[in-house]
């Protein structure tokens, strides 16, 4: 439980996980409220998606990240300081812009 005493690094991991899960919950609620039913709907494609492929031959091909019409293999990149990143609509727009620039 996050209400108990725990080592600092473990607490940070819990905080990051909770932040991510709250964001995912909000995205899910938004998709349900907007009645998004198609995997081709931009309101679905607009969000960062992760696809795990356990049968991929290479470790670097087991996780695929998609956003809009772009898709990349996860390459164990440095993702910054997680405890300082809060996902907002602006963060989502930045991810979309950067992803499209990489495409």
PDB file of N, CA and C in Angstrom:
ATOM      1  N   UNK A   1       0.840  -1.186   0.000  1.00  0.00           N
ATOM      2  CA  UNK A   1       0.000   0.000   0.000  1.00  0.00           C
ATOM      3  C   UNK A   1       0.884   1.247   0.000  1.00  0.00           C
ATOM      4  N   UNK A   2       0.489   2.257  -0.743  1.00  0.00           N
ATOM      5  CA  UNK A   2       1.264   3.492  -0.814  1.00  0.00           C
ATOM      6  C   UNK A   2       1.164   4.311   0.467  1.00  0.00           C
ATOM      7  N   UNK A   3       0.291   3.898   1.384  1.00  0.00           N
ATOM      8  CA  UNK A   3       0.155   4.614   2.648  1.00  0.00           C
ATOM      9  C   UNK A   3       1.179   4.157   3.678  1.00  0.00           C
ATOM     10  N   UNK A   4       1.880   3.079   3.399  1.00  0.00           N
ATOM     11  CA  UNK A   4       2.873   2.544   4.332  1.00  0.00           C
ATOM     12  C   UNK A   4       4.247   3.135   4.034  1.00  0.00           C
ATOM     13  N   UNK A   5       5.148   3.018   5.021  1.00  0.00           N
ATOM     14  CA  UNK A   5       6.530   3.422   4.795  1.00  0.00           C
ATOM     15  C   UNK A   5       7.177   2.450   3.818  1.00  0.00           C
ATOM     16  N   UNK A   6       7.957   2.998   2.890  1.00  0.00           N
ATOM     17  CA  UNK A   6       8.656   2.163   1.919  1.00  0.00           C
ATOM     18  C   UNK A   6       9.880   2.925   1.439  1.00  0.00           C
ATOM     19  N   UNK A   7      10.825   2.206   0.862  1.00  0.00           N
ATOM     20  CA  UNK A   7      12.022   2.879   0.347  1.00  0.00           C
ATOM     21  C   UNK A   7      11.647   3.928  -0.708  1.00  0.00           C
ATOM     22  N   UNK A   8      12.428   4.971  -0.797  1.00  0.00           N
ATOM     23  CA  UNK A   8      12.154   6.091  -1.698  1.00  0.00           C
ATOM     24  C   UNK A   8      12.003   5.656  -3.155  1.00  0.00           C
ATOM     25  N   UNK A   9      12.885   4.766  -3.624  1.00  0.00           N
ATOM     26  CA  UNK A   9      12.823   4.344  -5.026  1.00  0.00           C
ATOM     27  C   UNK A   9      11.542   3.557  -5.320  1.00  0.00           C
ATOM     28  N   UNK A  10      11.100   2.757  -4.365  1.00  0.00           N
ATOM     29  CA  UNK A  10       9.862   1.996  -4.542  1.00  0.00           C
ATOM     30  C   UNK A  10       8.663   2.951  -4.550  1.00  0.00           C
ATOM     31  N   UNK A  11       8.667   3.938  -3.671  1.00  0.00           N
ATOM     32  CA  UNK A  11       7.584   4.925  -3.629  1.00  0.00           C
ATOM     33  C   UNK A  11       7.491   5.671  -4.951  1.00  0.00           C
ATOM     34  N   UNK A  12       8.636   6.062  -5.526  1.00  0.00           N
ATOM     35  CA  UNK A  12       8.636   6.774  -6.813  1.00  0.00           C
ATOM     36  C   UNK A  12       8.050   5.903  -7.919  1.00  0.00           C
ATOM     37  N   UNK A  13       8.374   4.624  -7.903  1.00  0.00           N
ATOM     38  CA  UNK A  13       7.809   3.717  -8.906  1.00  0.00           C
ATOM     39  C   UNK A  13       6.294   3.634  -8.776  1.00  0.00           C
ATOM     40  N   UNK A  14       5.809   3.537  -7.531  1.00  0.00           N
ATOM     41  CA  UNK A  14       4.361   3.508  -7.305  1.00  0.00           C
ATOM     42  C   UNK A  14       3.711   4.805  -7.773  1.00  0.00           C
ATOM     43  N   UNK A  15       4.335   5.935  -7.471  1.00  0.00           N
ATOM     44  CA  UNK A  15       3.778   7.226  -7.873  1.00  0.00           C
ATOM     45  C   UNK A  15       3.692   7.333  -9.395  1.00  0.00           C
ATOM     46  N   UNK A  16       4.740   6.891 -10.082  1.00  0.00           N
ATOM     47  CA  UNK A  16       4.739   6.930 -11.545  1.00  0.00           C
ATOM     48  C   UNK A  16       3.675   6.004 -12.117  1.00  0.00           C
ATOM     49  N   UNK A  17       3.546   4.830 -11.534  1.00  0.00           N
ATOM     50  CA  UNK A  17       2.541   3.873 -11.996  1.00  0.00           C
ATOM     51  C   UNK A  17       1.129   4.423 -11.780  1.00  0.00           C
ATOM     52  N   UNK A  18       0.891   5.015 -10.625  1.00  0.00           N
ATOM     53  CA  UNK A  18      -0.429   5.589 -10.342  1.00  0.00           C
ATOM     54  C   UNK A  18      -0.731   6.723 -11.315  1.00  0.00           C
ATOM     55  N   UNK A  19       0.255   7.574 -11.570  1.00  0.00           N
ATOM     56  CA  UNK A  19       0.068   8.680 -12.525  1.00  0.00           C
ATOM     57  C   UNK A  19      -0.300   8.146 -13.897  1.00  0.00           C
ATOM     58  N   UNK A  20       0.399   7.115 -14.353  1.00  0.00           N
ATOM     59  CA  UNK A  20       0.121   6.525 -15.662  1.00  0.00           C
ATOM     60  C   UNK A  20      -1.267   5.874 -15.688  1.00  0.00           C
ATOM     61  N   UNK A  21      -1.625   5.174 -14.636  1.00  0.00           N
ATOM     62  CA  UNK A  21      -2.934   4.511 -14.597  1.00  0.00           C
ATOM     63  C   UNK A  21      -4.086   5.526 -14.560  1.00  0.00           C
ATOM     64  N   UNK A  22      -3.897   6.637 -13.870  1.00  0.00           N
ATOM     65  CA  UNK A  22      -4.931   7.679 -13.854  1.00  0.00           C
ATOM     66  C   UNK A  22      -5.093   8.248 -15.266  1.00  0.00           C
ATOM     67  N   UNK A  23      -3.978   8.474 -15.960  1.00  0.00           N
ATOM     68  CA  UNK A  23      -4.059   8.966 -17.335  1.00  0.00           C
ATOM     69  C   UNK A  23      -4.786   7.959 -18.229  1.00  0.00           C
ATOM     70  N   UNK A  24      -4.446   6.680 -18.103  1.00  0.00           N
ATOM     71  CA  UNK A  24      -5.100   5.649 -18.898  1.00  0.00           C
ATOM     72  C   UNK A  24      -6.598   5.578 -18.587  1.00  0.00           C
ATOM     73  N   UNK A  25      -6.942   5.723 -17.328  1.00  0.00           N
ATOM     74  CA  UNK A  25      -8.359   5.725 -16.946  1.00  0.00           C
ATOM     75  C   UNK A  25      -9.088   6.885 -17.616  1.00  0.00           C
ATOM     76  N   UNK A  26      -8.474   8.064 -17.599  1.00  0.00           N
ATOM     77  CA  UNK A  26      -9.100   9.240 -18.209  1.00  0.00           C
ATOM     78  C   UNK A  26      -9.255   9.066 -19.720  1.00  0.00           C
ATOM     79  N   UNK A  27      -8.253   8.499 -20.363  1.00  0.00           N
ATOM     80  CA  UNK A  27      -8.333   8.246 -21.804  1.00  0.00           C
ATOM     81  C   UNK A  27      -9.457   7.255 -22.091  1.00  0.00           C
ATOM     82  N   UNK A  28      -9.538   6.193 -21.324  1.00  0.00           N
ATOM     83  CA  UNK A  28     -10.573   5.183 -21.518  1.00  0.00           C
ATOM     84  C   UNK A  28     -11.961   5.786 -21.342  1.00  0.00           C
ATOM     85  N   UNK A  29     -12.133   6.583 -20.310  1.00  0.00           N
ATOM     86  CA  UNK A  29     -13.429   7.241 -20.089  1.00  0.00           C
ATOM     87  C   UNK A  29     -13.795   8.133 -21.270  1.00  0.00           C
ATOM     88  N   UNK A  30     -12.815   8.879 -21.760  1.00  0.00           N
ATOM     89  CA  UNK A  30     -13.053   9.774 -22.894  1.00  0.00           C
ATOM     90  C   UNK A  30     -13.466   8.994 -24.140  1.00  0.00           C
ATOM     91  N   UNK A  31     -12.797   7.882 -24.400  1.00  0.00           N
ATOM     92  CA  UNK A  31     -13.132   7.058 -25.569  1.00  0.00           C
ATOM     93  C   UNK A  31     -14.539   6.471 -25.446  1.00  0.00           C
ATOM     94  N   UNK A  32     -14.906   6.058 -24.249  1.00  0.00           N
ATOM     95  CA  UNK A  32     -16.246   5.514 -24.023  1.00  0.00           C
ATOM     96  C   UNK A  32     -17.301   6.607 -24.186  1.00  0.00           C
ATOM     97  N   UNK A  33     -17.065   7.765 -23.586  1.00  0.00           N
ATOM     98  CA  UNK A  33     -18.022   8.871 -23.686  1.00  0.00           C
ATOM     99  C   UNK A  33     -18.208   9.328 -25.132  1.00  0.00           C
ATOM    100  N   UNK A  34     -17.119   9.306 -25.911  1.00  0.00           N
ATOM    101  CA  UNK A  34     -17.192   9.721 -27.316  1.00  0.00           C
ATOM    102  C   UNK A  34     -17.687   8.603 -28.231  1.00  0.00           C
ATOM    103  N   UNK A  35     -17.962   7.442 -27.638  1.00  0.00           N
ATOM    104  CA  UNK A  35     -18.449   6.273 -28.381  1.00  0.00           C
ATOM    105  C   UNK A  35     -17.529   5.896 -29.546  1.00  0.00           C
ATOM    106  N   UNK A  36     -16.246   5.889 -29.267  1.00  0.00           N
ATOM    107  CA  UNK A  36     -15.262   5.486 -30.275  1.00  0.00           C
ATOM    108  C   UNK A  36     -15.348   3.978 -30.441  1.00  0.00           C
ATOM    109  N   UNK A  37     -15.619   3.525 -31.663  1.00  0.00           N
ATOM    110  CA  UNK A  37     -15.841   2.094 -31.904  1.00  0.00           C
ATOM    111  C   UNK A  37     -14.896   1.502 -32.950  1.00  0.00           C
ATOM    112  N   UNK A  38     -14.148   2.327 -33.625  1.00  0.00           N
ATOM    113  CA  UNK A  38     -13.313   1.841 -34.708  1.00  0.00           C
ATOM    114  C   UNK A  38     -11.830   2.045 -34.381  1.00  0.00           C
ATOM    115  N   UNK A  39     -11.010   1.054 -34.681  1.00  0.00           N
ATOM    116  CA  UNK A  39      -9.572   1.243 -34.472  1.00  0.00           C
ATOM    117  C   UNK A  39      -8.973   2.243 -35.454  1.00  0.00           C
ATOM    118  N   UNK A  40      -9.749   2.694 -36.422  1.00  0.00           N
ATOM    119  CA  UNK A  40      -9.282   3.699 -37.381  1.00  0.00           C
ATOM    120  C   UNK A  40      -9.733   5.111 -37.011  1.00  0.00           C
ATOM    121  N   UNK A  41     -10.510   5.224 -35.959  1.00  0.00           N
ATOM    122  CA  UNK A  41     -10.988   6.526 -35.496  1.00  0.00           C
ATOM    123  C   UNK A  41      -9.792   7.325 -34.956  1.00  0.00           C
ATOM    124  N   UNK A  42      -9.662   8.581 -35.388  1.00  0.00           N
ATOM    125  CA  UNK A  42      -8.514   9.388 -34.962  1.00  0.00           C
ATOM    126  C   UNK A  42      -8.498   9.591 -33.455  1.00  0.00           C
ATOM    127  N   UNK A  43      -9.670   9.627 -32.819  1.00  0.00           N
ATOM    128  CA  UNK A  43      -9.712   9.796 -31.361  1.00  0.00           C
ATOM    129  C   UNK A  43      -9.049   8.619 -30.652  1.00  0.00           C
ATOM    130  N   UNK A  44      -8.992   7.455 -31.280  1.00  0.00           N
ATOM    131  CA  UNK A  44      -8.261   6.295 -30.752  1.00  0.00           C
ATOM    132  C   UNK A  44      -6.788   6.377 -31.166  1.00  0.00           C
ATOM    133  N   UNK A  45      -6.551   6.682 -32.434  1.00  0.00           N
ATOM    134  CA  UNK A  45      -5.183   6.731 -32.950  1.00  0.00           C
ATOM    135  C   UNK A  45      -4.357   7.837 -32.297  1.00  0.00           C
ATOM    136  N   UNK A  46      -5.023   8.845 -31.778  1.00  0.00           N
ATOM    137  CA  UNK A  46      -4.377  10.000 -31.169  1.00  0.00           C
ATOM    138  C   UNK A  46      -3.598   9.630 -29.909  1.00  0.00           C
ATOM    139  N   UNK A  47      -3.905   8.512 -29.296  1.00  0.00           N
ATOM    140  CA  UNK A  47      -3.280   8.128 -28.036  1.00  0.00           C
ATOM    141  C   UNK A  47      -2.153   7.130 -28.255  1.00  0.00           C
ATOM    142  N   UNK A  48      -1.137   7.249 -27.408  1.00  0.00           N
ATOM    143  CA  UNK A  48       0.020   6.366 -27.457  1.00  0.00           C
ATOM    144  C   UNK A  48      -0.423   4.949 -27.098  1.00  0.00           C
ATOM    145  N   UNK A  49      -0.044   3.986 -27.948  1.00  0.00           N
ATOM    146  CA  UNK A  49      -0.431   2.588 -27.736  1.00  0.00           C
ATOM    147  C   UNK A  49       0.809   1.700 -27.743  1.00  0.00           C
ATOM    148  N   UNK A  50       0.790   0.697 -26.899  1.00  0.00           N
ATOM    149  CA  UNK A  50       1.902  -0.241 -26.797  1.00  0.00           C
ATOM    150  C   UNK A  50       1.401  -1.631 -27.150  1.00  0.00           C
ATOM    151  N   UNK A  51       2.108  -2.317 -28.030  1.00  0.00           N
ATOM    152  CA  UNK A  51       1.742  -3.680 -28.420  1.00  0.00           C
ATOM    153  C   UNK A  51       2.917  -4.600 -28.119  1.00  0.00           C
ATOM    154  N   UNK A  52       2.654  -5.596 -27.295  1.00  0.00           N
ATOM    155  CA  UNK A  52       3.684  -6.566 -26.932  1.00  0.00           C
ATOM    156  C   UNK A  52       3.563  -7.784 -27.833  1.00  0.00           C
ATOM    157  N   UNK A  53       4.691  -8.177 -28.423  1.00  0.00           N
ATOM    158  CA  UNK A  53       4.731  -9.329 -29.327  1.00  0.00           C
ATOM    159  C   UNK A  53       5.740 -10.329 -28.753  1.00  0.00           C
ATOM    160  N   UNK A  54       5.305 -11.239 -27.892  1.00  0.00           N
ATOM    161  CA  UNK A  54       6.241 -12.151 -27.227  1.00  0.00           C
ATOM    162  C   UNK A  54       6.966 -13.091 -28.182  1.00  0.00           C
ATOM    163  N   UNK A  55       6.405 -13.323 -29.364  1.00  0.00           N
ATOM    164  CA  UNK A  55       7.018 -14.266 -30.302  1.00  0.00           C
ATOM    165  C   UNK A  55       8.039 -13.604 -31.226  1.00  0.00           C
ATOM    166  N   UNK A  56       8.256 -12.302 -31.093  1.00  0.00           N
ATOM    167  CA  UNK A  56       9.225 -11.618 -31.956  1.00  0.00           C
ATOM    168  C   UNK A  56      10.615 -12.213 -31.740  1.00  0.00           C
ATOM    169  N   UNK A  57      11.374 -12.403 -32.817  1.00  0.00           N
ATOM    170  CA  UNK A  57      12.681 -13.057 -32.701  1.00  0.00           C
ATOM    171  C   UNK A  57      13.727 -12.228 -31.938  1.00  0.00           C
ATOM    172  N   UNK A  58      13.646 -10.902 -32.044  1.00  0.00           N
ATOM    173  CA  UNK A  58      14.632 -10.043 -31.378  1.00  0.00           C
ATOM    174  C   UNK A  58      13.997  -9.344 -30.183  1.00  0.00           C
ATOM    175  N   UNK A  59      14.786  -9.169 -29.139  1.00  0.00           N
ATOM    176  CA  UNK A  59      14.309  -8.478 -27.944  1.00  0.00           C
ATOM    177  C   UNK A  59      13.822  -7.074 -28.294  1.00  0.00           C
ATOM    178  N   UNK A  60      14.518  -6.395 -29.173  1.00  0.00           N
ATOM    179  CA  UNK A  60      14.157  -5.020 -29.536  1.00  0.00           C
ATOM    180  C   UNK A  60      12.912  -4.936 -30.408  1.00  0.00           C
ATOM    181  N   UNK A  61      12.344  -6.067 -30.797  1.00  0.00           N
ATOM    182  CA  UNK A  61      11.127  -6.063 -31.602  1.00  0.00           C
ATOM    183  C   UNK A  61       9.909  -6.585 -30.826  1.00  0.00           C
ATOM    184  N   UNK A  62      10.082  -6.818 -29.544  1.00  0.00           N
ATOM    185  CA  UNK A  62       8.989  -7.371 -28.742  1.00  0.00           C
ATOM    186  C   UNK A  62       7.957  -6.315 -28.328  1.00  0.00           C
ATOM    187  N   UNK A  63       8.364  -5.054 -28.292  1.00  0.00           N
ATOM    188  CA  UNK A  63       7.432  -3.999 -27.915  1.00  0.00           C
ATOM    189  C   UNK A  63       7.375  -2.961 -29.024  1.00  0.00           C
ATOM    190  N   UNK A  64       6.180  -2.731 -29.511  1.00  0.00           N
ATOM    191  CA  UNK A  64       5.957  -1.777 -30.594  1.00  0.00           C
ATOM    192  C   UNK A  64       5.091  -0.641 -30.057  1.00  0.00           C
ATOM    193  N   UNK A  65       5.499   0.583 -30.345  1.00  0.00           N
ATOM    194  CA  UNK A  65       4.793   1.764 -29.883  1.00  0.00           C
ATOM    195  C   UNK A  65       4.152   2.429 -31.088  1.00  0.00           C
ATOM    196  N   UNK A  66       2.871   2.758 -30.971  1.00  0.00           N
ATOM    197  CA  UNK A  66       2.144   3.377 -32.080  1.00  0.00           C
ATOM    198  C   UNK A  66       1.470   4.656 -31.608  1.00  0.00           C
ATOM    199  N   UNK A  67       1.420   5.616 -32.521  1.00  0.00           N
ATOM    200  CA  UNK A  67       0.709   6.861 -32.278  1.00  0.00           C
ATOM    201  C   UNK A  67       0.310   7.403 -33.634  1.00  0.00           C
ATOM    202  N   UNK A  68      -0.967   7.642 -33.807  1.00  0.00           N
ATOM    203  CA  UNK A  68      -1.511   8.073 -35.088  1.00  0.00           C
ATOM    204  C   UNK A  68      -1.152   7.024 -36.141  1.00  0.00           C
ATOM    205  N   UNK A  69      -0.549   7.432 -37.246  1.00  0.00           N
ATOM    206  CA  UNK A  69      -0.196   6.465 -38.294  1.00  0.00           C
ATOM    207  C   UNK A  69       1.276   6.090 -38.243  1.00  0.00           C
ATOM    208  N   UNK A  70       1.932   6.338 -37.127  1.00  0.00           N
ATOM    209  CA  UNK A  70       3.348   5.999 -36.961  1.00  0.00           C
ATOM    210  C   UNK A  70       3.495   4.840 -35.985  1.00  0.00           C
ATOM    211  N   UNK A  71       4.516   4.048 -36.223  1.00  0.00           N
ATOM    212  CA  UNK A  71       4.767   2.900 -35.365  1.00  0.00           C
ATOM    213  C   UNK A  71       6.272   2.665 -35.300  1.00  0.00           C
ATOM    214  N   UNK A  72       6.776   2.422 -34.084  1.00  0.00           N
ATOM    215  CA  UNK A  72       8.205   2.229 -33.878  1.00  0.00           C
ATOM    216  C   UNK A  72       8.420   1.086 -32.891  1.00  0.00           C
ATOM    217  N   UNK A  73       9.566   0.425 -33.008  1.00  0.00           N
ATOM    218  CA  UNK A  73       9.951  -0.539 -31.995  1.00  0.00           C
ATOM    219  C   UNK A  73      10.498   0.224 -30.806  1.00  0.00           C
ATOM    220  N   UNK A  74      10.183  -0.254 -29.624  1.00  0.00           N
ATOM    221  CA  UNK A  74      10.743   0.347 -28.421  1.00  0.00           C
ATOM    222  C   UNK A  74      12.207  -0.045 -28.356  1.00  0.00           C
ATOM    223  N   UNK A  75      13.077   0.938 -28.197  1.00  0.00           N
ATOM    224  CA  UNK A  75      14.508   0.660 -28.240  1.00  0.00           C
ATOM    225  C   UNK A  75      15.233   0.914 -26.941  1.00  0.00           C
ATOM    226  N   UNK A  76      14.524   0.876 -25.820  1.00  0.00           N
ATOM    227  CA  UNK A  76      15.128   1.091 -24.508  1.00  0.00           C
ATOM    228  C   UNK A  76      15.787   2.463 -24.425  1.00  0.00           C
ATOM    229  N   UNK A  77      15.142   3.482 -25.027  1.00  0.00           N
ATOM    230  CA  UNK A  77      15.661   4.830 -25.003  1.00  0.00           C
ATOM    231  C   UNK A  77      15.505   5.439 -23.620  1.00  0.00           C
ATOM    232  N   UNK A  78      16.316   6.437 -23.364  1.00  0.00           N
ATOM    233  CA  UNK A  78      16.171   7.208 -22.136  1.00  0.00           C
ATOM    234  C   UNK A  78      14.906   8.038 -22.251  1.00  0.00           C
ATOM    235  N   UNK A  79      14.008   7.925 -21.296  1.00  0.00           N
ATOM    236  CA  UNK A  79      12.721   8.600 -21.368  1.00  0.00           C
ATOM    237  C   UNK A  79      12.620   9.798 -20.442  1.00  0.00           C
ATOM    238  N   UNK A  80      13.728  10.247 -19.922  1.00  0.00           N
ATOM    239  CA  UNK A  80      13.697  11.422 -19.055  1.00  0.00           C
ATOM    240  C   UNK A  80      13.407  11.053 -17.611  1.00  0.00           C
ATOM    241  N   UNK A  81      13.100  12.051 -16.858  1.00  0.00           N
ATOM    242  CA  UNK A  81      12.837  11.864 -15.435  1.00  0.00           C
ATOM    243  C   UNK A  81      11.341  11.629 -15.264  1.00  0.00           C
ATOM    244  N   UNK A  82      10.974  10.390 -15.072  1.00  0.00           N
ATOM    245  CA  UNK A  82       9.573  10.002 -15.027  1.00  0.00           C
ATOM    246  C   UNK A  82       8.761  10.676 -13.958  1.00  0.00           C
ATOM    247  N   UNK A  83       9.351  10.909 -12.788  1.00  0.00           N
ATOM    248  CA  UNK A  83       8.568  11.503 -11.706  1.00  0.00           C
ATOM    249  C   UNK A  83       8.250  12.977 -11.949  1.00  0.00           C
ATOM    250  N   UNK A  84       8.884  13.581 -12.935  1.00  0.00           N
ATOM    251  CA  UNK A  84       8.596  14.983 -13.247  1.00  0.00           C
ATOM    252  C   UNK A  84       7.678  15.135 -14.453  1.00  0.00           C
ATOM    253  N   UNK A  85       7.355  14.048 -15.110  1.00  0.00           N
ATOM    254  CA  UNK A  85       6.497  14.108 -16.285  1.00  0.00           C
ATOM    255  C   UNK A  85       5.053  13.831 -15.878  1.00  0.00           C
ATOM    256  N   UNK A  86       4.190  14.796 -16.130  1.00  0.00           N
ATOM    257  CA  UNK A  86       2.764  14.633 -15.884  1.00  0.00           C
ATOM    258  C   UNK A  86       2.078  14.687 -17.238  1.00  0.00           C
ATOM    259  N   UNK A  87       1.250  13.703 -17.520  1.00  0.00           N
ATOM    260  CA  UNK A  87       0.604  13.667 -18.824  1.00  0.00           C
ATOM    261  C   UNK A  87      -0.631  14.541 -18.831  1.00  0.00           C
ATOM    262  N   UNK A  88      -0.644  15.462 -19.775  1.00  0.00           N
ATOM    263  CA  UNK A  88      -1.746  16.396 -19.952  1.00  0.00           C
ATOM    264  C   UNK A  88      -2.134  16.383 -21.427  1.00  0.00           C
ATOM    265  N   UNK A  89      -3.214  17.050 -21.807  1.00  0.00           N
ATOM    266  CA  UNK A  89      -3.522  17.148 -23.241  1.00  0.00           C
ATOM    267  C   UNK A  89      -2.376  17.764 -24.045  1.00  0.00           C
ATOM    268  N   UNK A  90      -1.636  18.700 -23.435  1.00  0.00           N
ATOM    269  CA  UNK A  90      -0.493  19.289 -24.134  1.00  0.00           C
ATOM    270  C   UNK A  90       0.603  18.244 -24.345  1.00  0.00           C
ATOM    271  N   UNK A  91       0.840  17.406 -23.359  1.00  0.00           N
ATOM    272  CA  UNK A  91       1.825  16.332 -23.506  1.00  0.00           C
ATOM    273  C   UNK A  91       1.424  15.412 -24.645  1.00  0.00           C
ATOM    274  N   UNK A  92       0.152  15.070 -24.716  1.00  0.00           N
ATOM    275  CA  UNK A  92      -0.334  14.207 -25.800  1.00  0.00           C
ATOM    276  C   UNK A  92      -0.104  14.852 -27.162  1.00  0.00           C
ATOM    277  N   UNK A  93      -0.369  16.146 -27.270  1.00  0.00           N
ATOM    278  CA  UNK A  93      -0.152  16.839 -28.547  1.00  0.00           C
ATOM    279  C   UNK A  93       1.332  16.880 -28.906  1.00  0.00           C
ATOM    280  N   UNK A  94       2.187  17.052 -27.893  1.00  0.00           N
ATOM    281  CA  UNK A  94       3.637  17.047 -28.142  1.00  0.00           C
ATOM    282  C   UNK A  94       4.087  15.683 -28.647  1.00  0.00           C
ATOM    283  N   UNK A  95       3.617  14.608 -28.016  1.00  0.00           N
ATOM    284  CA  UNK A  95       3.953  13.259 -28.476  1.00  0.00           C
ATOM    285  C   UNK A  95       3.517  13.067 -29.926  1.00  0.00           C
ATOM    286  N   UNK A  96       2.319  13.529 -30.254  1.00  0.00           N
ATOM    287  CA  UNK A  96       1.814  13.392 -31.615  1.00  0.00           C
ATOM    288  C   UNK A  96       2.713  14.147 -32.596  1.00  0.00           C
ATOM    289  N   UNK A  97       3.060  15.381 -32.273  1.00  0.00           N
ATOM    290  CA  UNK A  97       3.899  16.187 -33.150  1.00  0.00           C
ATOM    291  C   UNK A  97       5.276  15.559 -33.336  1.00  0.00           C
ATOM    292  N   UNK A  98       5.882  15.134 -32.237  1.00  0.00           N
ATOM    293  CA  UNK A  98       7.216  14.532 -32.316  1.00  0.00           C
ATOM    294  C   UNK A  98       7.207  13.210 -33.074  1.00  0.00           C
ATOM    295  N   UNK A  99       6.184  12.418 -32.849  1.00  0.00           N
ATOM    296  CA  UNK A  99       6.071  11.135 -33.543  1.00  0.00           C
ATOM    297  C   UNK A  99       5.922  11.344 -35.044  1.00  0.00           C
ATOM    298  N   UNK A 100       5.109  12.312 -35.423  1.00  0.00           N
ATOM    299  CA  UNK A 100       4.920  12.587 -36.848  1.00  0.00           C
ATOM    300  C   UNK A 100       6.205  13.123 -37.466  1.00  0.00           C
ATOM    301  N   UNK A 101       6.977  13.880 -36.709  1.00  0.00           N
ATOM    302  CA  UNK A 101       8.263  14.394 -37.208  1.00  0.00           C
ATOM    303  C   UNK A 101       9.249  13.254 -37.456  1.00  0.00           C
ATOM    304  N   UNK A 102       9.191  12.207 -36.622  1.00  0.00           N
ATOM    305  CA  UNK A 102      10.080  11.050 -36.811  1.00  0.00           C
ATOM    306  C   UNK A 102       9.685  10.204 -37.998  1.00  0.00           C
ATOM    307  N   UNK A 103       8.439  10.268 -38.370  1.00  0.00           N
ATOM    308  CA  UNK A 103       7.933   9.463 -39.464  1.00  0.00           C
ATOM    309  C   UNK A 103       8.456  10.026 -40.739  1.00  0.00           C
TER     310      UNK A 103
END
